[in-house]
C-alpha atoms as a PDB file:
ATOM      1  CA  UNK A   1      37.033 -43.919 -23.246  1.00  0.00           C
ATOM      2  CA  UNK A   2      36.582 -40.344 -24.338  1.00  0.00           C
ATOM      3  CA  UNK A   3      33.887 -38.088 -22.864  1.00  0.00           C
ATOM      4  CA  UNK A   4      32.624 -35.016 -24.601  1.00  0.00           C
ATOM      5  CA  UNK A   5      30.376 -32.132 -23.650  1.00  0.00           C
ATOM      6  CA  UNK A   6      27.574 -33.482 -25.789  1.00  0.00           C
ATOM      7  CA  UNK A   7      26.637 -30.511 -27.919  1.00  0.00           C
ATOM      8  CA  UNK A   8      27.877 -27.617 -29.908  1.00  0.00           C
ATOM      9  CA  UNK A   9      27.570 -23.949 -29.182  1.00  0.00           C
ATOM     10  CA  UNK A  10      26.342 -22.764 -25.828  1.00  0.00           C
ATOM     11  CA  UNK A  11      26.192 -26.192 -24.167  1.00  0.00           C
ATOM     12  CA  UNK A  12      29.771 -27.038 -25.150  1.00  0.00           C
ATOM     13  CA  UNK A  13      31.314 -24.035 -23.376  1.00  0.00           C
ATOM     14  CA  UNK A  14      32.786 -24.040 -19.894  1.00  0.00           C
ATOM     15  CA  UNK A  15      31.469 -21.825 -17.144  1.00  0.00           C
ATOM     16  CA  UNK A  16      27.838 -20.905 -16.615  1.00  0.00           C
ATOM     17  CA  UNK A  17      25.391 -23.038 -18.573  1.00  0.00           C
ATOM     18  CA  UNK A  18      23.056 -20.042 -19.197  1.00  0.00           C
ATOM     19  CA  UNK A  19      23.874 -16.422 -19.907  1.00  0.00           C
ATOM     20  CA  UNK A  20      21.669 -14.954 -17.098  1.00  0.00           C
ATOM     21  CA  UNK A  21      19.092 -15.912 -14.489  1.00  0.00           C
ATOM     22  CA  UNK A  22      15.703 -16.322 -16.126  1.00  0.00           C
ATOM     23  CA  UNK A  23      17.141 -17.318 -19.521  1.00  0.00           C
ATOM     24  CA  UNK A  24      14.764 -19.768 -21.183  1.00  0.00           C
ATOM     25  CA  UNK A  25      16.918 -21.251 -23.906  1.00  0.00           C
ATOM     26  CA  UNK A  26      16.287 -18.582 -26.476  1.00  0.00           C
ATOM     27  CA  UNK A  27      12.494 -18.576 -26.369  1.00  0.00           C
ATOM     28  CA  UNK A  28      10.685 -15.389 -25.392  1.00  0.00           C
ATOM     29  CA  UNK A  29      11.013 -15.037 -21.595  1.00  0.00           C
ATOM     30  CA  UNK A  30       7.887 -15.320 -19.443  1.00  0.00           C
ATOM     31  CA  UNK A  31       8.206 -11.725 -18.247  1.00  0.00           C
ATOM     32  CA  UNK A  32       7.998 -10.495 -21.830  1.00  0.00           C
ATOM     33  CA  UNK A  33       5.229 -12.939 -22.868  1.00  0.00           C
ATOM     34  CA  UNK A  34       2.753 -11.974 -20.135  1.00  0.00           C
ATOM     35  CA  UNK A  35       0.572  -9.000 -21.096  1.00  0.00           C
ATOM     36  CA  UNK A  36       1.086  -5.789 -19.186  1.00  0.00           C
ATOM     37  CA  UNK A  37      -2.099  -4.135 -17.993  1.00  0.00           C
ATOM     38  CA  UNK A  38      -3.098  -1.021 -16.162  1.00  0.00           C
ATOM     39  CA  UNK A  39      -1.395   2.227 -15.395  1.00  0.00           C
ATOM     40  CA  UNK A  40       0.461   3.379 -12.293  1.00  0.00           C
ATOM     41  CA  UNK A  41       0.457   7.166 -11.984  1.00  0.00           C
ATOM     42  CA  UNK A  42       4.033   8.382 -11.457  1.00  0.00           C
ATOM     43  CA  UNK A  43       3.144  11.116  -8.928  1.00  0.00           C
ATOM     44  CA  UNK A  44       0.600   9.172  -6.859  1.00  0.00           C
ATOM     45  CA  UNK A  45       0.892   9.725  -3.107  1.00  0.00           C
ATOM     46  CA  UNK A  46      -0.232   6.705  -1.073  1.00  0.00           C
ATOM     47  CA  UNK A  47      -2.239   7.372   2.091  1.00  0.00           C
ATOM     48  CA  UNK A  48      -2.450   5.624   5.439  1.00  0.00           C
ATOM     49  CA  UNK A  49      -6.106   4.570   5.700  1.00  0.00           C
ATOM     50  CA  UNK A  50      -8.144   4.666   8.922  1.00  0.00           C
ATOM     51  CA  UNK A  51     -11.825   3.698   8.996  1.00  0.00           C
ATOM     52  CA  UNK A  52     -14.392   5.331  11.286  1.00  0.00           C
ATOM     53  CA  UNK A  53     -15.052   1.980  12.971  1.00  0.00           C
ATOM     54  CA  UNK A  54     -11.465   2.014  14.331  1.00  0.00           C
ATOM     55  CA  UNK A  55     -12.009   5.363  16.062  1.00  0.00           C
ATOM     56  CA  UNK A  56     -14.529   3.765  18.418  1.00  0.00           C
ATOM     57  CA  UNK A  57     -11.703   2.851  20.834  1.00  0.00           C
ATOM     58  CA  UNK A  58     -11.181   6.504  21.828  1.00  0.00           C
ATOM     59  CA  UNK A  59     -13.088   8.207  24.635  1.00  0.00           C
ATOM     60  CA  UNK A  60     -15.848  10.724  24.012  1.00  0.00           C
ATOM     61  CA  UNK A  61     -14.450  14.221  23.365  1.00  0.00           C
ATOM     62  CA  UNK A  62     -10.945  13.081  22.387  1.00  0.00           C
ATOM     63  CA  UNK A  63      -8.815  15.278  20.134  1.00  0.00           C
ATOM     64  CA  UNK A  64      -7.510  12.846  17.519  1.00  0.00           C
ATOM     65  CA  UNK A  65      -4.185  13.784  15.897  1.00  0.00           C
ATOM     66  CA  UNK A  66      -1.865  11.828  13.574  1.00  0.00           C
ATOM     67  CA  UNK A  67       0.505  11.251  16.507  1.00  0.00           C
ATOM     68  CA  UNK A  68      -2.334   9.740  18.574  1.00  0.00           C
ATOM     69  CA  UNK A  69      -3.302   7.439  15.699  1.00  0.00           C
ATOM     70  CA  UNK A  70       0.300   6.266  15.371  1.00  0.00           C
ATOM     71  CA  UNK A  71       0.645   5.786  19.122  1.00  0.00           C
ATOM     72  CA  UNK A  72      -2.433   3.537  19.235  1.00  0.00           C
ATOM     73  CA  UNK A  73      -1.282   1.444  16.270  1.00  0.00           C
ATOM     74  CA  UNK A  74      -3.943   2.556  13.783  1.00  0.00           C
ATOM     75  CA  UNK A  75      -1.210   3.979  11.502  1.00  0.00           C
ATOM     76  CA  UNK A  76       2.222   2.389  11.100  1.00  0.00           C
ATOM     77  CA  UNK A  77       4.139   5.616  10.549  1.00  0.00           C
ATOM     78  CA  UNK A  78       3.603   9.289   9.816  1.00  0.00           C
ATOM     79  CA  UNK A  79       5.558   8.999   6.559  1.00  0.00           C
ATOM     80  CA  UNK A  80       2.367   9.141   4.472  1.00  0.00           C
ATOM     81  CA  UNK A  81      -0.661  11.440   4.828  1.00  0.00           C
ATOM     82  CA  UNK A  82      -3.564  10.004   6.822  1.00  0.00           C
ATOM     83  CA  UNK A  83      -7.020   9.644   5.299  1.00  0.00           C
ATOM     84  CA  UNK A  84     -10.186   8.847   7.240  1.00  0.00           C
ATOM     85  CA  UNK A  85     -12.751   6.744   5.349  1.00  0.00           C
ATOM     86  CA  UNK A  86     -16.437   6.449   6.219  1.00  0.00           C
ATOM     87  CA  UNK A  87     -16.724   2.713   6.844  1.00  0.00           C
ATOM     88  CA  UNK A  88     -18.473   2.232  10.174  1.00  0.00           C
ATOM     89  CA  UNK A  89     -20.520   4.492  12.428  1.00  0.00           C
ATOM     90  CA  UNK A  90     -19.589   7.124  14.991  1.00  0.00           C
ATOM     91  CA  UNK A  91     -21.528   7.521  18.219  1.00  0.00           C
ATOM     92  CA  UNK A  92     -18.988   9.685  20.081  1.00  0.00           C
ATOM     93  CA  UNK A  93     -17.935  13.281  19.509  1.00  0.00           C
ATOM     94  CA  UNK A  94     -14.369  13.779  18.317  1.00  0.00           C
ATOM     95  CA  UNK A  95     -12.223  16.627  17.128  1.00  0.00           C
ATOM     96  CA  UNK A  96     -10.106  15.149  14.341  1.00  0.00           C
ATOM     97  CA  UNK A  97      -6.987  16.648  12.760  1.00  0.00           C
ATOM     98  CA  UNK A  98      -6.009  14.659   9.637  1.00  0.00           C
ATOM     99  CA  UNK A  99      -4.571  15.282   6.178  1.00  0.00           C
ATOM    100  CA  UNK A 100      -7.538  13.973   4.162  1.00  0.00           C
ATOM    101  CA  UNK A 101     -11.061  12.779   4.869  1.00  0.00           C
ATOM    102  CA  UNK A 102     -13.845  11.376   2.717  1.00  0.00           C
ATOM    103  CA  UNK A 103     -17.140  13.229   2.412  1.00  0.00           C
ATOM    104  CA  UNK A 104     -19.131  10.403   4.018  1.00  0.00           C
ATOM    105  CA  UNK A 105     -16.762  10.241   7.003  1.00  0.00           C
ATOM    106  CA  UNK A 106     -16.925  14.007   7.487  1.00  0.00           C
ATOM    107  CA  UNK A 107     -20.733  13.941   7.361  1.00  0.00           C
ATOM    108  CA  UNK A 108     -20.937  11.122   9.935  1.00  0.00           C
ATOM    109  CA  UNK A 109     -18.531  12.832  12.340  1.00  0.00           C
ATOM    110  CA  UNK A 110     -20.333  16.166  12.123  1.00  0.00           C
ATOM    111  CA  UNK A 111     -23.720  14.458  12.491  1.00  0.00           C
ATOM    112  CA  UNK A 112     -22.497  12.908  15.761  1.00  0.00           C
ATOM    113  CA  UNK A 113     -21.477  16.374  16.996  1.00  0.00           C
ATOM    114  CA  UNK A 114     -17.777  16.163  16.182  1.00  0.00           C
ATOM    115  CA  UNK A 115     -15.466  18.526  14.362  1.00  0.00           C
ATOM    116  CA  UNK A 116     -13.031  17.904  11.487  1.00  0.00           C
ATOM    117  CA  UNK A 117      -9.911  19.957  10.706  1.00  0.00           C
ATOM    118  CA  UNK A 118      -7.853  19.219   7.589  1.00  0.00           C
ATOM    119  CA  UNK A 119      -4.179  19.955   8.239  1.00  0.00           C
END
């Protein structure tokens, strides 16, 4: 009895059955069918985010630096600039040295008697 490869063209050839991973038999691949949306700015610098509520763990009068935030696990690394956001309340006075800070966070810190320095 004679066995054959069953079809002509691509399926009759030896070796890989498809030309590349993700090949869909000649139809338009899924990656090209799905609409692309949005825009990613090419020069965007991501920030490490810290909320005011997380600063509650420090003692009153603490000088908060990026190294202190990293040491306490609030920031994974100092690779990116640190930005303080205003989510939460502050009841203690801090002196904070960070790269960026939101207006609401700055207002809350200064209202509580603290000081903010942008480095």
